[in-house]
Amino acid sequence: MYFTDRGIEELAARRGDEDVSLAWLAEQLSTFVDLNPEFEVPVERLATWLARLDDEDE
């Protein structure tokens, strides 16, 4: 188990039953990066990966 899995598991446990839009998620990620600019690159990589999940080229 990676250390980050604990945060993912907490997210699933605390908010797993909620429905959210991708627009809401994008807003939360932007807010997080504004508050924590040192995480800009990994958050951008995650957002790009999520945005391109259905691309057949990758």
PDB file of N, CA and C in Angstrom:
ATOM      1  N   MET A   1       0.843  -1.180   0.000  1.00  0.00           N
ATOM      2  CA  MET A   1       0.000   0.000   0.000  1.00  0.00           C
ATOM      3  C   MET A   1       0.886   1.240   0.000  1.00  0.00           C
ATOM      4  N   TYR A   2       0.575   2.149  -0.875  1.00  0.00           N
ATOM      5  CA  TYR A   2       1.269   3.427  -0.904  1.00  0.00           C
ATOM      6  C   TYR A   2       0.702   4.331   0.182  1.00  0.00           C
ATOM      7  N   PHE A   3       1.516   5.262   0.645  1.00  0.00           N
ATOM      8  CA  PHE A   3       1.053   6.224   1.647  1.00  0.00           C
ATOM      9  C   PHE A   3      -0.181   6.962   1.147  1.00  0.00           C
ATOM     10  N   THR A   4      -0.207   7.311  -0.129  1.00  0.00           N
ATOM     11  CA  THR A   4      -1.342   8.073  -0.676  1.00  0.00           C
ATOM     12  C   THR A   4      -2.621   7.264  -0.678  1.00  0.00           C
ATOM     13  N   ASP A   5      -2.522   5.948  -0.622  1.00  0.00           N
ATOM     14  CA  ASP A   5      -3.731   5.128  -0.588  1.00  0.00           C
ATOM     15  C   ASP A   5      -4.584   5.445   0.637  1.00  0.00           C
ATOM     16  N   ARG A   6      -3.963   5.863   1.725  1.00  0.00           N
ATOM     17  CA  ARG A   6      -4.736   6.191   2.926  1.00  0.00           C
ATOM     18  C   ARG A   6      -5.669   7.368   2.663  1.00  0.00           C
ATOM     19  N   GLY A   7      -5.173   8.363   1.950  1.00  0.00           N
ATOM     20  CA  GLY A   7      -6.032   9.499   1.613  1.00  0.00           C
ATOM     21  C   GLY A   7      -7.143   9.100   0.666  1.00  0.00           C
ATOM     22  N   ILE A   8      -6.822   8.238  -0.278  1.00  0.00           N
ATOM     23  CA  ILE A   8      -7.837   7.747  -1.227  1.00  0.00           C
ATOM     24  C   ILE A   8      -8.891   6.940  -0.477  1.00  0.00           C
ATOM     25  N   GLU A   9      -8.450   6.106   0.442  1.00  0.00           N
ATOM     26  CA  GLU A   9      -9.401   5.309   1.233  1.00  0.00           C
ATOM     27  C   GLU A   9     -10.270   6.201   2.111  1.00  0.00           C
ATOM     28  N   GLU A  10      -9.684   7.252   2.692  1.00  0.00           N
ATOM     29  CA  GLU A  10     -10.473   8.179   3.503  1.00  0.00           C
ATOM     30  C   GLU A  10     -11.504   8.892   2.642  1.00  0.00           C
ATOM     31  N   LEU A  11     -11.101   9.312   1.452  1.00  0.00           N
ATOM     32  CA  LEU A  11     -12.038   9.963   0.537  1.00  0.00           C
ATOM     33  C   LEU A  11     -13.212   9.038   0.222  1.00  0.00           C
ATOM     34  N   ALA A  12     -12.916   7.795  -0.090  1.00  0.00           N
ATOM     35  CA  ALA A  12     -13.976   6.838  -0.410  1.00  0.00           C
ATOM     36  C   ALA A  12     -14.880   6.591   0.794  1.00  0.00           C
ATOM     37  N   ALA A  13     -14.292   6.502   1.976  1.00  0.00           N
ATOM     38  CA  ALA A  13     -15.084   6.233   3.181  1.00  0.00           C
ATOM     39  C   ALA A  13     -15.967   7.425   3.559  1.00  0.00           C
ATOM     40  N   ARG A  14     -15.422   8.630   3.431  1.00  0.00           N
ATOM     41  CA  ARG A  14     -16.158   9.804   3.893  1.00  0.00           C
ATOM     42  C   ARG A  14     -17.104  10.372   2.841  1.00  0.00           C
ATOM     43  N   ARG A  15     -16.769  10.228   1.561  1.00  0.00           N
ATOM     44  CA  ARG A  15     -17.564  10.891   0.518  1.00  0.00           C
ATOM     45  C   ARG A  15     -17.958   9.943  -0.611  1.00  0.00           C
ATOM     46  N   GLY A  16     -17.734   8.663  -0.409  1.00  0.00           N
ATOM     47  CA  GLY A  16     -17.978   7.683  -1.461  1.00  0.00           C
ATOM     48  C   GLY A  16     -19.413   7.585  -1.940  1.00  0.00           C
ATOM     49  N   ASP A  17     -20.357   7.999  -1.105  1.00  0.00           N
ATOM     50  CA  ASP A  17     -21.764   7.915  -1.490  1.00  0.00           C
ATOM     51  C   ASP A  17     -22.272   9.185  -2.168  1.00  0.00           C
ATOM     52  N   GLU A  18     -21.433  10.216  -2.240  1.00  0.00           N
ATOM     53  CA  GLU A  18     -21.849  11.487  -2.834  1.00  0.00           C
ATOM     54  C   GLU A  18     -21.687  11.478  -4.345  1.00  0.00           C
ATOM     55  N   ASP A  19     -22.535  12.228  -5.014  1.00  0.00           N
ATOM     56  CA  ASP A  19     -22.397  12.474  -6.447  1.00  0.00           C
ATOM     57  C   ASP A  19     -21.850  13.890  -6.616  1.00  0.00           C
ATOM     58  N   VAL A  20     -20.792  14.013  -7.399  1.00  0.00           N
ATOM     59  CA  VAL A  20     -20.223  15.333  -7.679  1.00  0.00           C
ATOM     60  C   VAL A  20     -19.998  15.456  -9.179  1.00  0.00           C
ATOM     61  N   SER A  21     -19.978  16.694  -9.642  1.00  0.00           N
ATOM     62  CA  SER A  21     -19.712  16.921 -11.055  1.00  0.00           C
ATOM     63  C   SER A  21     -18.218  17.088 -11.272  1.00  0.00           C
ATOM     64  N   LEU A  22     -17.803  16.908 -12.499  1.00  0.00           N
ATOM     65  CA  LEU A  22     -16.396  17.146 -12.821  1.00  0.00           C
ATOM     66  C   LEU A  22     -16.060  18.621 -12.705  1.00  0.00           C
ATOM     67  N   ALA A  23     -17.043  19.494 -12.935  1.00  0.00           N
ATOM     68  CA  ALA A  23     -16.819  20.923 -12.749  1.00  0.00           C
ATOM     69  C   ALA A  23     -16.514  21.218 -11.280  1.00  0.00           C
ATOM     70  N   TRP A  24     -17.236  20.585 -10.368  1.00  0.00           N
ATOM     71  CA  TRP A  24     -16.974  20.755  -8.929  1.00  0.00           C
ATOM     72  C   TRP A  24     -15.581  20.259  -8.592  1.00  0.00           C
ATOM     73  N   LEU A  25     -15.217  19.090  -9.107  1.00  0.00           N
ATOM     74  CA  LEU A  25     -13.889  18.534  -8.851  1.00  0.00           C
ATOM     75  C   LEU A  25     -12.799  19.457  -9.379  1.00  0.00           C
ATOM     76  N   ALA A  26     -12.982  19.981 -10.586  1.00  0.00           N
ATOM     77  CA  ALA A  26     -12.001  20.899 -11.163  1.00  0.00           C
ATOM     78  C   ALA A  26     -11.850  22.143 -10.290  1.00  0.00           C
ATOM     79  N   GLU A  27     -12.952  22.644  -9.774  1.00  0.00           N
ATOM     80  CA  GLU A  27     -12.899  23.822  -8.890  1.00  0.00           C
ATOM     81  C   GLU A  27     -12.138  23.505  -7.603  1.00  0.00           C
ATOM     82  N   GLN A  28     -12.388  22.337  -7.041  1.00  0.00           N
ATOM     83  CA  GLN A  28     -11.682  21.950  -5.810  1.00  0.00           C
ATOM     84  C   GLN A  28     -10.186  21.771  -6.066  1.00  0.00           C
ATOM     85  N   LEU A  29      -9.837  21.189  -7.201  1.00  0.00           N
ATOM     86  CA  LEU A  29      -8.420  21.024  -7.539  1.00  0.00           C
ATOM     87  C   LEU A  29      -7.749  22.383  -7.731  1.00  0.00           C
ATOM     88  N   SER A  30      -8.434  23.308  -8.367  1.00  0.00           N
ATOM     89  CA  SER A  30      -7.887  24.659  -8.547  1.00  0.00           C
ATOM     90  C   SER A  30      -7.679  25.351  -7.210  1.00  0.00           C
ATOM     91  N   THR A  31      -8.643  25.226  -6.323  1.00  0.00           N
ATOM     92  CA  THR A  31      -8.517  25.811  -4.989  1.00  0.00           C
ATOM     93  C   THR A  31      -7.349  25.192  -4.240  1.00  0.00           C
ATOM     94  N   PHE A  32      -7.222  23.877  -4.331  1.00  0.00           N
ATOM     95  CA  PHE A  32      -6.113  23.186  -3.664  1.00  0.00           C
ATOM     96  C   PHE A  32      -4.773  23.701  -4.169  1.00  0.00           C
ATOM     97  N   VAL A  33      -4.628  23.848  -5.478  1.00  0.00           N
ATOM     98  CA  VAL A  33      -3.364  24.327  -6.055  1.00  0.00           C
ATOM     99  C   VAL A  33      -3.110  25.777  -5.646  1.00  0.00           C
ATOM    100  N   ASP A  34      -4.167  26.591  -5.580  1.00  0.00           N
ATOM    101  CA  ASP A  34      -3.990  27.970  -5.120  1.00  0.00           C
ATOM    102  C   ASP A  34      -3.432  28.009  -3.695  1.00  0.00           C
ATOM    103  N   LEU A  35      -3.920  27.106  -2.859  1.00  0.00           N
ATOM    104  CA  LEU A  35      -3.468  27.054  -1.463  1.00  0.00           C
ATOM    105  C   LEU A  35      -2.144  26.317  -1.295  1.00  0.00           C
ATOM    106  N   ASN A  36      -1.824  25.434  -2.240  1.00  0.00           N
ATOM    107  CA  ASN A  36      -0.631  24.586  -2.157  1.00  0.00           C
ATOM    108  C   ASN A  36       0.081  24.564  -3.497  1.00  0.00           C
ATOM    109  N   PRO A  37       0.689  25.673  -3.911  1.00  0.00           N
ATOM    110  CA  PRO A  37       1.277  25.751  -5.253  1.00  0.00           C
ATOM    111  C   PRO A  37       2.376  24.727  -5.511  1.00  0.00           C
ATOM    112  N   GLU A  38       2.968  24.185  -4.471  1.00  0.00           N
ATOM    113  CA  GLU A  38       4.001  23.167  -4.681  1.00  0.00           C
ATOM    114  C   GLU A  38       3.438  21.878  -5.263  1.00  0.00           C
ATOM    115  N   PHE A  39       2.121  21.712  -5.234  1.00  0.00           N
ATOM    116  CA  PHE A  39       1.487  20.513  -5.796  1.00  0.00           C
ATOM    117  C   PHE A  39       0.904  20.753  -7.183  1.00  0.00           C
ATOM    118  N   GLU A  40       1.238  21.870  -7.794  1.00  0.00           N
ATOM    119  CA  GLU A  40       0.658  22.204  -9.101  1.00  0.00           C
ATOM    120  C   GLU A  40       0.933  21.126 -10.143  1.00  0.00           C
ATOM    121  N   VAL A  41       2.160  20.664 -10.248  1.00  0.00           N
ATOM    122  CA  VAL A  41       2.511  19.695 -11.291  1.00  0.00           C
ATOM    123  C   VAL A  41       1.763  18.373 -11.101  1.00  0.00           C
ATOM    124  N   PRO A  42       1.775  17.745  -9.911  1.00  0.00           N
ATOM    125  CA  PRO A  42       1.035  16.484  -9.797  1.00  0.00           C
ATOM    126  C   PRO A  42      -0.469  16.636  -9.988  1.00  0.00           C
ATOM    127  N   VAL A  43      -1.035  17.755  -9.538  1.00  0.00           N
ATOM    128  CA  VAL A  43      -2.473  17.963  -9.725  1.00  0.00           C
ATOM    129  C   VAL A  43      -2.784  18.146 -11.210  1.00  0.00           C
ATOM    130  N   GLU A  44      -1.943  18.895 -11.917  1.00  0.00           N
ATOM    131  CA  GLU A  44      -2.134  19.062 -13.358  1.00  0.00           C
ATOM    132  C   GLU A  44      -2.009  17.723 -14.087  1.00  0.00           C
ATOM    133  N   ARG A  45      -1.054  16.904 -13.673  1.00  0.00           N
ATOM    134  CA  ARG A  45      -0.900  15.585 -14.305  1.00  0.00           C
ATOM    135  C   ARG A  45      -2.126  14.717 -14.053  1.00  0.00           C
ATOM    136  N   LEU A  46      -2.658  14.737 -12.828  1.00  0.00           N
ATOM    137  CA  LEU A  46      -3.866  13.970 -12.516  1.00  0.00           C
ATOM    138  C   LEU A  46      -5.040  14.474 -13.345  1.00  0.00           C
ATOM    139  N   ALA A  47      -5.218  15.788 -13.408  1.00  0.00           N
ATOM    140  CA  ALA A  47      -6.331  16.355 -14.164  1.00  0.00           C
ATOM    141  C   ALA A  47      -6.236  15.996 -15.646  1.00  0.00           C
ATOM    142  N   THR A  48      -5.039  16.074 -16.193  1.00  0.00           N
ATOM    143  CA  THR A  48      -4.839  15.718 -17.599  1.00  0.00           C
ATOM    144  C   THR A  48      -5.128  14.244 -17.825  1.00  0.00           C
ATOM    145  N   TRP A  49      -4.663  13.399 -16.935  1.00  0.00           N
ATOM    146  CA  TRP A  49      -4.907  11.952 -17.037  1.00  0.00           C
ATOM    147  C   TRP A  49      -6.404  11.665 -16.996  1.00  0.00           C
ATOM    148  N   LEU A  50      -7.117  12.292 -16.050  1.00  0.00           N
ATOM    149  CA  LEU A  50      -8.566  12.089 -15.964  1.00  0.00           C
ATOM    150  C   LEU A  50      -9.272  12.584 -17.218  1.00  0.00           C
ATOM    151  N   ALA A  51      -8.835  13.727 -17.729  1.00  0.00           N
ATOM    152  CA  ALA A  51      -9.467  14.300 -18.917  1.00  0.00           C
ATOM    153  C   ALA A  51      -9.289  13.416 -20.143  1.00  0.00           C
ATOM    154  N   ARG A  52      -8.205  12.681 -20.195  1.00  0.00           N
ATOM    155  CA  ARG A  52      -7.882  11.898 -21.397  1.00  0.00           C
ATOM    156  C   ARG A  52      -8.108  10.396 -21.244  1.00  0.00           C
ATOM    157  N   LEU A  53      -8.823   9.974 -20.227  1.00  0.00           N
ATOM    158  CA  LEU A  53      -9.023   8.538 -19.981  1.00  0.00           C
ATOM    159  C   LEU A  53      -9.584   7.791 -21.185  1.00  0.00           C
ATOM    160  N   ASP A  54     -10.450   8.419 -21.935  1.00  0.00           N
ATOM    161  CA  ASP A  54     -11.099   7.750 -23.055  1.00  0.00           C
ATOM    162  C   ASP A  54     -10.330   7.882 -24.380  1.00  0.00           C
ATOM    163  N   ASP A  55      -9.226   8.608 -24.381  1.00  0.00           N
ATOM    164  CA  ASP A  55      -8.434   8.749 -25.600  1.00  0.00           C
ATOM    165  C   ASP A  55      -7.831   7.402 -25.985  1.00  0.00           C
ATOM    166  N   GLU A  56      -8.045   7.008 -27.224  1.00  0.00           N
ATOM    167  CA  GLU A  56      -7.528   5.727 -27.689  1.00  0.00           C
ATOM    168  C   GLU A  56      -6.030   5.778 -27.980  1.00  0.00           C
ATOM    169  N   ASP A  57      -5.482   6.973 -28.170  1.00  0.00           N
ATOM    170  CA  ASP A  57      -4.067   7.105 -28.525  1.00  0.00           C
ATOM    171  C   ASP A  57      -3.126   6.726 -27.399  1.00  0.00           C
ATOM    172  N   GLU A  58      -3.613   6.737 -26.164  1.00  0.00           N
ATOM    173  CA  GLU A  58      -2.721   6.544 -25.025  1.00  0.00           C
ATOM    174  C   GLU A  58      -2.736   5.132 -24.549  1.00  0.00           C
TER     175      GLU A  58
END
